[in-house]
Amino acid sequence: MKVIICGAGQVGWQIARHLAGERNEVTVVDHNEELVRRATDQLDVTGVTGFASYPNVLERAGAEDADMIIAATYSDEVNMVTCQVAHSVFGVQRKIARLRAQSYLDTLHSDLYRRDHLPIDVVISPEKEVAEAALQRLAAPSTFDIESFLDDKAQLMGVQLSDDCPVLNTPLRQLTDLFSTLRAIVVGVRREGTLFAPEPRDQLFAGDQIYVFSHTDDAQRALEIFGKSQSRQTRVVIVGGGNVGLAVASALEARTDRVRVKVIEKDRKVAEAAAEALERTIVLNGDGLNADLLAEANITKADALLAVTDDDKTNLLTAVRAKSLGCPLTISLVNDPALLPLMGPLHIDAYINPRSTTVSSILRHVRHGRVRSVYSIGDAEAEVLEAQVLKTATLAGQQVRDIDLPEGVLMGPLRKGDKVIIPHGGTRIEEGDVVTFFALSEDVPEVERLLQVSIDYF
């Protein structure tokens, strides 16, 4: 498949890395020559420097015979015009655009919108994706990361192990024996800053961050086994009243179980707009770092604080201050992956990385073939892939014990027909099965080789 990716920032670069790794013909376009050079130096891609919305730039990028264009620049207007030019001038079949402004999103989702007027096949809203991720974190307060797979029948959960975890110092193979009916498997462990795929003889220790893959119906039980209990939140404080904070507050207002929400927003105009849009939510105008304002928001009795301003350091410090004032759950929005290692030392319970959520969402729409979903772990340390097994795949017809998996790869839940199971050594992988893999980044190409990913996406 021939793909043009417009925008060579973090989102565009990550998408290019994934698609180029699957042997697609990828061209990256950006007006920043340094970003283009970084992409061509580090990835197997072609680079074009220029403004993506210019017809002559798209022509140089090969738009005449491109199968897909992904417009992920920082400008909504450039992304929209790029899709329009790709459609009208070059006849590109599939067009994906990243849009941020709520006004555009409202129009594109309204009944008045006609695709032939603005031909965008898939609209990705980073703010919407982040808001949904925040709601997932709030729904699973004892996890620092969570993502659904296999049509929501399996969940990947990140859990920080405490001293009171009942299964510390227990080899993982013994956990399988002790909880034989539990449909869950530990696929990743981060210890002292290093992420690895554990072996059956490995033990878990206090302070470990583990990634547990579980059948959705067994997720609650899996968390309890690792010493985590789920508590319902009735009071939530949101710091940041922009698109993300507003979307989360609106969703919490719409829930049938009553949740009391308070929003703190520093910008007066944004605060006024949020107050007008929300019905039952109290909106406070001021700095979320201010201890007096947090006290006015009744942070000491809040069940959770969600810091989603557009400044990473403000989000981190606000979460730390809320924690020091007695808030049991703090969730911080963090754009810079270099700051993620601070989560543990700062005792912040969970984080949301907008780039990872946006990349995962775009890839989910790009892949209409055998690889159905990709989720990035941490600072691109590992990936979770969901794929359908082809008849010609190397692993088709093999038992799990006979599949030559690298040390950094573990198989997660798989779906056979309507059943989701945790595979064991004797499980046979068959054509049509949908499998999941946890793979350290350097081992992802080997997983793709085993799957023999089809390039027929349409």
Protein backbone atom coordinates (compact mmCIF):
# COMPACT_ATOMS: atom_id res chain seq x y z
CA MET A 1 0.00 0.00 0.00
CA LYS A 2 1.24 3.50 -0.85
CA VAL A 3 0.64 5.99 1.98
CA ILE A 4 1.39 9.72 2.26
CA ILE A 5 1.71 11.03 5.81
CA CYS A 6 1.48 14.80 6.13
CA GLY A 7 3.16 16.05 9.30
CA ALA A 8 6.43 14.61 10.61
CA GLY A 9 5.92 15.45 14.28
CA GLN A 10 5.64 12.78 16.96
CA VAL A 11 2.27 11.51 15.72
CA GLY A 12 3.25 11.42 12.05
CA TRP A 13 6.64 9.88 12.83
CA GLN A 14 5.11 7.07 14.90
CA ILE A 15 2.53 6.27 12.21
CA ALA A 16 5.26 6.26 9.56
CA ARG A 17 7.36 3.91 11.69
CA HIS A 18 4.51 1.43 12.05
CA LEU A 19 3.45 1.46 8.41
CA ALA A 20 7.00 1.40 7.00
CA GLY A 21 7.77 -1.55 9.28
CA GLU A 22 4.96 -3.44 7.55
CA ARG A 23 6.66 -2.92 4.19
CA ASN A 24 4.24 -0.27 2.96
CA GLU A 25 5.53 2.44 0.63
CA VAL A 26 5.48 5.52 2.87
CA THR A 27 6.19 9.14 2.01
CA VAL A 28 6.43 11.77 4.76
CA VAL A 29 5.65 15.43 4.00
CA ASP A 30 6.46 18.39 6.27
CA HIS A 31 7.51 22.00 5.79
CA ASN A 32 10.20 21.49 8.45
CA GLU A 33 13.26 20.12 6.67
CA GLU A 34 14.81 18.81 9.91
CA LEU A 35 11.76 16.71 10.75
CA VAL A 36 11.72 15.25 7.25
CA ARG A 37 15.43 14.45 7.50
CA ARG A 38 14.90 12.74 10.87
CA ALA A 39 12.18 10.55 9.35
CA THR A 40 14.22 9.57 6.28
CA ASP A 41 17.37 8.92 8.36
CA GLN A 42 15.66 6.71 10.92
CA LEU A 43 12.89 5.06 8.89
CA ASP A 44 12.51 3.33 5.56
CA VAL A 45 10.46 6.19 4.10
CA THR A 46 10.70 8.83 1.39
CA GLY A 47 10.68 12.48 2.47
CA VAL A 48 9.29 15.59 0.80
CA THR A 49 9.78 19.08 2.22
CA GLY A 50 6.95 21.55 1.65
CA PHE A 51 3.43 22.52 2.66
CA ALA A 52 1.21 19.44 2.49
CA SER A 53 -1.80 21.33 1.13
CA TYR A 54 0.06 22.52 -1.98
CA PRO A 55 -0.84 20.44 -5.07
CA ASN A 56 2.73 20.51 -6.38
CA VAL A 57 4.04 19.19 -3.04
CA LEU A 58 1.49 16.35 -3.03
CA GLU A 59 2.42 15.62 -6.64
CA ARG A 60 6.09 15.27 -5.62
CA ALA A 61 4.96 12.96 -2.82
CA GLY A 62 3.31 10.66 -5.35
CA ALA A 63 -0.35 11.49 -4.70
CA GLU A 64 -1.34 10.45 -8.23
CA ASP A 65 -1.12 6.75 -7.32
CA ALA A 66 -1.39 6.90 -3.51
CA ASP A 67 -3.88 4.60 -1.77
CA MET A 68 -4.22 6.73 1.35
CA ILE A 69 -3.32 10.11 2.77
CA ILE A 70 -3.07 10.84 6.50
CA ALA A 71 -3.14 14.55 7.31
CA ALA A 72 -1.67 14.96 10.80
CA THR A 73 -0.06 18.41 10.74
CA TYR A 74 -0.57 20.86 13.59
CA SER A 75 -3.05 22.92 11.55
CA ASP A 76 -6.69 21.86 11.15
CA GLU A 77 -7.02 24.02 8.06
CA VAL A 78 -3.96 22.49 6.39
CA ASN A 79 -5.25 19.01 7.16
CA MET A 80 -8.68 19.74 5.67
CA VAL A 81 -7.33 21.43 2.54
CA THR A 82 -4.83 18.60 2.09
CA CYS A 83 -7.68 16.05 2.04
CA GLN A 84 -9.68 18.23 -0.36
CA VAL A 85 -6.75 18.57 -2.79
CA ALA A 86 -5.93 14.87 -2.50
CA HIS A 87 -9.53 14.05 -3.43
CA SER A 88 -10.26 16.67 -6.08
CA VAL A 89 -6.92 16.80 -7.87
CA PHE A 90 -5.47 13.33 -7.37
CA GLY A 91 -8.44 11.09 -6.59
CA VAL A 92 -6.89 9.53 -3.48
CA GLN A 93 -9.37 6.93 -2.23
CA ARG A 94 -8.93 7.12 1.54
CA LYS A 95 -8.32 10.30 3.50
CA ILE A 96 -7.77 10.64 7.25
CA ALA A 97 -7.48 14.02 8.99
CA ARG A 98 -6.58 15.02 12.53
CA LEU A 99 -8.80 17.93 13.64
CA ARG A 100 -8.82 19.75 16.96
CA ALA A 101 -11.26 22.67 16.76
CA GLN A 102 -14.65 21.73 18.19
CA SER A 103 -16.48 23.91 15.67
CA TYR A 104 -15.11 21.82 12.80
CA LEU A 105 -15.94 18.59 14.60
CA ASP A 106 -19.51 19.68 15.32
CA THR A 107 -20.04 20.60 11.66
CA LEU A 108 -18.50 17.40 10.30
CA HIS A 109 -20.74 15.30 12.53
CA SER A 110 -23.90 17.26 11.80
CA ASP A 111 -26.66 16.31 9.37
CA LEU A 112 -25.73 19.31 7.21
CA TYR A 113 -22.33 17.88 6.38
CA ARG A 114 -21.90 16.23 2.97
CA ARG A 115 -18.74 14.27 2.28
CA ASP A 116 -18.51 15.45 -1.31
CA HIS A 117 -18.16 19.01 -0.01
CA LEU A 118 -15.27 18.16 2.32
CA PRO A 119 -14.08 14.65 1.47
CA ILE A 120 -12.62 13.29 4.70
CA ASP A 121 -13.28 9.61 5.31
CA VAL A 122 -12.10 9.49 8.93
CA VAL A 123 -11.79 12.41 11.35
CA ILE A 124 -9.52 11.89 14.36
CA SER A 125 -10.00 14.27 17.28
CA PRO A 126 -7.06 14.13 19.73
CA GLU A 127 -9.16 15.85 22.39
CA LYS A 128 -11.96 13.29 22.00
CA GLU A 129 -9.49 10.39 22.16
CA VAL A 130 -7.85 11.85 25.27
CA ALA A 131 -11.23 12.44 26.93
CA GLU A 132 -12.21 8.83 26.31
CA ALA A 133 -8.86 7.68 27.72
CA ALA A 134 -9.45 9.84 30.81
CA LEU A 135 -12.88 8.30 31.33
CA GLN A 136 -11.30 4.84 31.06
CA ARG A 137 -8.76 5.76 33.73
CA LEU A 138 -11.52 7.05 36.00
CA ALA A 139 -13.52 3.86 35.46
CA ALA A 140 -10.52 1.78 36.54
CA PRO A 141 -8.93 3.90 39.27
CA SER A 142 -6.50 1.22 40.44
CA THR A 143 -4.77 1.07 37.03
CA PHE A 144 -2.28 3.54 35.60
CA ASP A 145 -2.99 2.44 32.03
CA ILE A 146 -5.88 0.57 30.40
CA GLU A 147 -6.91 -0.32 26.85
CA SER A 148 -9.53 -2.65 25.34
CA PHE A 149 -8.95 -5.31 22.69
CA LEU A 150 -10.85 -8.09 20.90
CA ASP A 151 -13.99 -5.98 20.55
CA ASP A 152 -13.90 -4.98 24.25
CA LYS A 153 -13.77 -8.62 25.39
CA ALA A 154 -10.18 -8.29 26.66
CA GLN A 155 -8.46 -5.55 28.64
CA LEU A 156 -4.82 -4.63 29.04
CA MET A 157 -4.32 -3.09 32.49
CA GLY A 158 -1.25 -1.40 33.95
CA VAL A 159 -1.00 -2.00 37.70
CA GLN A 160 1.53 -0.67 40.23
CA LEU A 161 2.25 -3.34 42.86
CA SER A 162 2.26 -2.24 46.49
CA ASP A 163 3.77 -3.84 49.60
CA ASP A 164 0.37 -5.33 50.45
CA CYS A 165 0.02 -7.21 47.16
CA PRO A 166 -0.84 -10.80 48.21
CA VAL A 167 1.11 -12.50 45.40
CA LEU A 168 4.52 -10.87 45.79
CA ASN A 169 7.54 -13.19 45.51
CA THR A 170 5.39 -15.82 43.81
CA PRO A 171 6.60 -17.31 40.48
CA LEU A 172 4.16 -16.54 37.70
CA ARG A 173 3.72 -20.24 36.87
CA GLN A 174 2.39 -20.75 40.41
CA LEU A 175 -0.18 -18.02 39.89
CA THR A 176 -1.52 -20.05 36.97
CA ASP A 177 -1.88 -23.06 39.27
CA LEU A 178 -3.38 -21.09 42.16
CA PHE A 179 -5.95 -19.31 40.01
CA SER A 180 -6.59 -21.90 37.32
CA THR A 181 -9.97 -20.45 36.30
CA LEU A 182 -8.70 -16.86 35.99
CA ARG A 183 -8.52 -15.74 32.37
CA ALA A 184 -5.57 -13.39 32.78
CA ILE A 185 -1.84 -13.30 32.06
CA VAL A 186 1.01 -10.97 33.03
CA VAL A 187 2.64 -9.94 29.75
CA GLY A 188 4.95 -7.11 30.81
CA VAL A 189 6.87 -5.95 33.89
CA ARG A 190 8.63 -2.63 34.38
CA ARG A 191 11.21 -2.84 37.16
CA GLU A 192 13.61 -0.03 38.04
CA GLY A 193 12.76 1.71 34.79
CA THR A 194 13.30 -1.32 32.52
CA LEU A 195 10.38 -3.02 30.76
CA PHE A 196 10.60 -6.75 29.96
CA ALA A 197 8.39 -9.69 29.03
CA PRO A 198 8.45 -12.04 32.06
CA GLU A 199 9.13 -15.77 32.01
CA PRO A 200 7.09 -18.33 34.02
CA ARG A 201 9.81 -18.56 36.70
CA ASP A 202 9.91 -14.78 37.27
CA GLN A 203 8.53 -13.34 40.51
CA LEU A 204 6.82 -10.02 41.15
CA PHE A 205 8.07 -7.49 43.70
CA ALA A 206 6.71 -4.39 45.41
CA GLY A 207 7.20 -1.35 43.17
CA ASP A 208 6.89 -3.32 39.94
CA GLN A 209 4.62 -1.92 37.27
CA ILE A 210 2.95 -4.84 35.54
CA TYR A 211 0.77 -5.14 32.45
CA VAL A 212 -2.00 -7.69 32.87
CA PHE A 213 -4.03 -8.95 29.93
CA SER A 214 -7.43 -10.19 31.11
CA HIS A 215 -10.79 -11.30 29.81
CA THR A 216 -13.06 -8.33 30.50
CA ASP A 217 -15.34 -10.44 32.71
CA ASP A 218 -12.35 -11.39 34.89
CA ALA A 219 -10.74 -7.95 35.07
CA GLN A 220 -12.13 -7.11 38.51
CA ARG A 221 -10.96 -10.42 39.96
CA ALA A 222 -7.52 -10.00 38.38
CA LEU A 223 -7.12 -6.59 40.02
CA GLU A 224 -8.12 -8.00 43.42
CA ILE A 225 -5.51 -10.76 43.11
CA PHE A 226 -2.85 -8.09 42.63
CA GLY A 227 -4.10 -6.19 45.67
CA LYS A 228 -6.23 -3.58 43.93
CA SER A 229 -9.87 -2.81 44.65
CA GLN A 230 -12.22 -0.78 42.51
CA SER A 231 -14.04 2.10 44.18
CA ARG A 232 -16.83 4.15 42.68
CA GLN A 233 -16.11 7.85 42.31
CA THR A 234 -18.80 10.30 43.29
CA ARG A 235 -16.68 13.47 43.49
CA VAL A 236 -14.25 14.45 40.74
CA VAL A 237 -12.18 17.63 40.34
CA ILE A 238 -10.99 18.48 36.81
CA VAL A 239 -8.20 21.01 36.36
CA GLY A 240 -8.42 22.39 32.82
CA GLY A 241 -11.68 23.48 31.26
CA GLY A 242 -10.67 23.24 27.60
CA ASN A 243 -11.94 20.69 25.10
CA VAL A 244 -10.67 17.68 27.05
CA GLY A 245 -11.88 18.80 30.47
CA LEU A 246 -15.21 19.89 29.02
CA ALA A 247 -15.71 16.54 27.26
CA VAL A 248 -14.95 14.57 30.42
CA ALA A 249 -17.22 16.77 32.56
CA SER A 250 -20.06 16.43 30.04
CA ALA A 251 -19.69 12.64 29.98
CA LEU A 252 -19.70 12.47 33.79
CA GLU A 253 -22.81 14.67 33.88
CA ALA A 254 -24.56 12.29 31.51
CA ARG A 255 -23.96 9.22 33.68
CA THR A 256 -26.96 7.73 35.43
CA ASP A 257 -25.08 7.38 38.72
CA ARG A 258 -24.72 10.90 40.06
CA VAL A 259 -21.15 12.22 39.96
CA ARG A 260 -20.38 15.62 41.42
CA VAL A 261 -17.88 17.42 39.22
CA LYS A 262 -15.97 20.64 39.73
CA VAL A 263 -13.82 22.22 37.02
CA ILE A 264 -10.97 24.65 37.65
CA GLU A 265 -9.88 26.77 34.67
CA LYS A 266 -7.30 29.56 34.71
CA ASP A 267 -8.49 31.40 31.58
CA ARG A 268 -11.62 33.41 32.36
CA LYS A 269 -13.13 33.18 28.87
CA VAL A 270 -12.59 29.42 28.72
CA ALA A 271 -14.08 29.08 32.21
CA GLU A 272 -17.15 31.08 31.17
CA ALA A 273 -17.61 28.94 28.05
CA ALA A 274 -17.35 25.77 30.14
CA ALA A 275 -19.85 27.07 32.70
CA GLU A 276 -22.29 27.87 29.92
CA ALA A 277 -21.93 24.44 28.31
CA LEU A 278 -22.28 22.43 31.51
CA GLU A 279 -25.49 22.07 33.50
CA ARG A 280 -24.70 20.62 36.94
CA THR A 281 -20.94 21.15 37.08
CA ILE A 282 -19.43 23.92 39.18
CA VAL A 283 -16.74 25.86 37.29
CA LEU A 284 -14.13 27.81 39.25
CA ASN A 285 -11.93 30.44 37.60
CA GLY A 286 -8.37 30.33 38.87
CA ASP A 287 -5.05 28.48 39.04
CA GLY A 288 -5.36 24.76 39.80
CA LEU A 289 -1.98 24.92 41.54
CA ASN A 290 -3.40 27.29 44.14
CA ALA A 291 -3.95 25.39 47.40
CA ASP A 292 -6.77 27.74 48.48
CA LEU A 293 -8.64 27.17 45.20
CA LEU A 294 -8.19 23.41 45.53
CA ALA A 295 -9.58 23.71 49.04
CA GLU A 296 -12.56 25.65 47.66
CA ALA A 297 -13.08 22.76 45.21
CA ASN A 298 -13.15 20.49 48.29
CA ILE A 299 -10.15 18.47 47.14
CA THR A 300 -9.82 16.78 50.53
CA LYS A 301 -13.15 15.00 49.96
CA ALA A 302 -12.70 14.38 46.23
CA ASP A 303 -12.35 10.81 44.99
CA ALA A 304 -10.19 11.80 42.02
CA LEU A 305 -8.39 14.72 40.40
CA LEU A 306 -7.87 14.89 36.66
CA ALA A 307 -5.25 17.43 35.48
CA VAL A 308 -5.74 18.07 31.74
CA THR A 309 -4.38 21.56 31.03
CA ASP A 310 -2.19 22.12 27.96
CA ASP A 311 0.95 22.36 30.13
CA ASP A 312 2.62 19.12 31.29
CA LYS A 313 4.41 20.62 34.26
CA THR A 314 1.23 22.27 35.53
CA ASN A 315 -0.56 18.93 35.29
CA LEU A 316 2.19 17.10 37.18
CA LEU A 317 2.51 19.70 39.94
CA THR A 318 -1.27 20.00 40.32
CA ALA A 319 -1.52 16.23 40.75
CA VAL A 320 1.28 16.27 43.33
CA ARG A 321 -0.36 19.08 45.28
CA ALA A 322 -3.76 17.34 45.21
CA LYS A 323 -2.12 14.14 46.45
CA SER A 324 -0.46 16.03 49.30
CA LEU A 325 -3.87 17.43 50.28
CA GLY A 326 -5.34 13.94 50.57
CA CYS A 327 -6.87 13.20 47.15
CA PRO A 328 -6.62 9.40 46.73
CA LEU A 329 -6.47 9.27 42.91
CA THR A 330 -4.61 11.66 40.62
CA ILE A 331 -4.47 11.40 36.83
CA SER A 332 -2.23 13.65 34.75
CA LEU A 333 -2.15 14.47 31.05
CA VAL A 334 1.46 14.24 29.83
CA ASN A 335 2.49 15.09 26.26
CA ASP A 336 6.26 14.71 26.72
CA PRO A 337 7.12 10.99 27.08
CA ALA A 338 10.42 11.95 28.73
CA LEU A 339 8.39 12.97 31.81
CA LEU A 340 6.69 9.58 32.23
CA PRO A 341 9.43 8.13 34.51
CA LEU A 342 8.48 10.84 37.04
CA MET A 343 5.04 9.29 37.60
CA GLY A 344 6.32 6.82 40.20
CA PRO A 345 8.56 9.15 42.27
CA LEU A 346 5.81 11.80 42.26
CA HIS A 347 3.20 9.21 43.34
CA ILE A 348 0.87 10.13 40.48
CA ASP A 349 -1.54 7.24 39.97
CA ALA A 350 -2.13 7.34 36.21
CA TYR A 351 -1.23 9.28 33.11
CA ILE A 352 -2.64 9.90 29.64
CA ASN A 353 -0.32 10.38 26.66
CA PRO A 354 -2.24 12.20 23.88
CA ARG A 355 0.25 11.19 21.22
CA SER A 356 -0.08 7.49 22.00
CA THR A 357 -3.87 7.64 22.01
CA THR A 358 -3.96 9.58 18.73
CA VAL A 359 -1.47 7.24 17.02
CA SER A 360 -3.37 4.17 18.20
CA SER A 361 -6.66 5.63 16.96
CA ILE A 362 -5.29 6.51 13.52
CA LEU A 363 -3.68 3.10 13.10
CA ARG A 364 -6.95 1.45 14.08
CA HIS A 365 -8.63 3.20 11.15
CA VAL A 366 -5.73 2.61 8.77
CA ARG A 367 -5.73 -1.12 9.27
CA HIS A 368 -8.67 -2.71 7.52
CA GLY A 369 -6.74 -5.88 6.88
CA ARG A 370 -5.21 -8.45 9.22
CA VAL A 371 -3.53 -6.16 11.77
CA ARG A 372 -6.54 -4.64 13.49
CA SER A 373 -5.05 -2.55 16.27
CA VAL A 374 -1.76 -1.34 17.75
CA TYR A 375 -1.32 0.19 21.20
CA SER A 376 1.91 1.88 22.26
CA ILE A 377 3.25 1.20 25.77
CA GLY A 378 5.14 3.91 27.68
CA ASP A 379 7.65 5.92 25.68
CA ALA A 380 7.38 3.57 22.65
CA GLU A 381 9.00 0.87 24.82
CA ALA A 382 6.63 -1.83 23.63
CA GLU A 383 3.51 -2.40 21.58
CA VAL A 384 0.42 -4.53 21.84
CA LEU A 385 -0.77 -5.81 18.48
CA GLU A 386 -4.13 -7.37 17.63
CA ALA A 387 -4.26 -9.28 14.36
CA GLN A 388 -6.25 -11.86 12.47
CA VAL A 389 -4.35 -14.99 11.48
CA LEU A 390 -3.97 -15.57 7.76
CA LYS A 391 -3.96 -19.04 6.25
CA THR A 392 -0.41 -18.39 5.02
CA ALA A 393 0.89 -17.01 8.33
CA THR A 394 3.91 -18.76 9.84
CA LEU A 395 2.04 -19.41 13.10
CA ALA A 396 -1.14 -20.77 11.45
CA GLY A 397 -1.67 -24.43 12.36
CA GLN A 398 1.01 -24.40 15.08
CA GLN A 399 0.64 -25.00 18.79
CA VAL A 400 1.76 -22.06 20.94
CA ARG A 401 4.66 -24.06 22.40
CA ASP A 402 6.05 -24.59 18.90
CA ILE A 403 5.97 -20.93 17.82
CA ASP A 404 9.44 -19.40 17.95
CA LEU A 405 8.72 -16.18 19.84
CA PRO A 406 11.56 -13.77 20.76
CA GLU A 407 12.32 -13.23 24.46
CA GLY A 408 10.59 -9.86 24.36
CA VAL A 409 7.26 -11.21 23.09
CA LEU A 410 4.33 -12.87 24.87
CA MET A 411 0.99 -13.90 23.42
CA GLY A 412 -2.05 -12.41 25.13
CA PRO A 413 -5.71 -13.46 24.87
CA LEU A 414 -7.00 -14.75 21.56
CA ARG A 415 -10.45 -15.10 20.09
CA LYS A 416 -11.67 -18.29 18.45
CA GLY A 417 -15.09 -17.64 16.99
CA ASP A 418 -17.06 -16.01 19.80
CA LYS A 419 -14.84 -17.32 22.61
CA VAL A 420 -11.94 -15.36 24.14
CA ILE A 421 -9.33 -17.56 25.84
CA ILE A 422 -5.91 -17.28 27.45
CA PRO A 423 -3.68 -19.53 25.32
CA HIS A 424 -1.50 -22.26 26.82
CA GLY A 425 1.26 -24.34 25.28
CA GLY A 426 -1.15 -26.77 23.65
CA THR A 427 -3.42 -24.13 22.11
CA ARG A 428 -3.42 -24.44 18.32
CA ILE A 429 -3.49 -21.20 16.33
CA GLU A 430 -5.80 -21.52 13.33
CA GLU A 431 -6.75 -19.43 10.33
CA GLY A 432 -9.27 -16.76 11.30
CA ASP A 433 -8.25 -16.61 14.97
CA VAL A 434 -7.71 -13.10 16.30
CA VAL A 435 -4.54 -12.98 18.39
CA THR A 436 -2.87 -10.40 20.61
CA PHE A 437 0.83 -9.98 21.31
CA PHE A 438 2.82 -7.92 23.79
CA ALA A 439 6.15 -7.12 22.12
CA LEU A 440 9.10 -4.97 23.09
CA SER A 441 9.69 -2.44 20.32
CA GLU A 442 12.78 -4.15 18.91
CA ASP A 443 10.83 -7.42 18.56
CA VAL A 444 7.78 -6.00 16.76
CA PRO A 445 9.18 -6.78 13.27
CA GLU A 446 9.50 -10.45 14.25
CA VAL A 447 5.84 -10.55 15.32
CA GLU A 448 4.87 -8.98 12.02
CA ARG A 449 6.92 -11.65 10.22
CA LEU A 450 5.06 -14.40 12.08
CA LEU A 451 1.77 -12.80 11.09
CA GLN A 452 2.88 -12.16 7.51
CA VAL A 453 0.78 -8.98 7.49
CA SER A 454 -1.29 -8.59 4.34
CA ILE A 455 -0.99 -5.29 2.46
CA ASP A 456 -4.55 -5.65 1.16
CA TYR A 457 -6.25 -3.07 3.38
CA PHE A 458 -9.30 -2.44 1.25
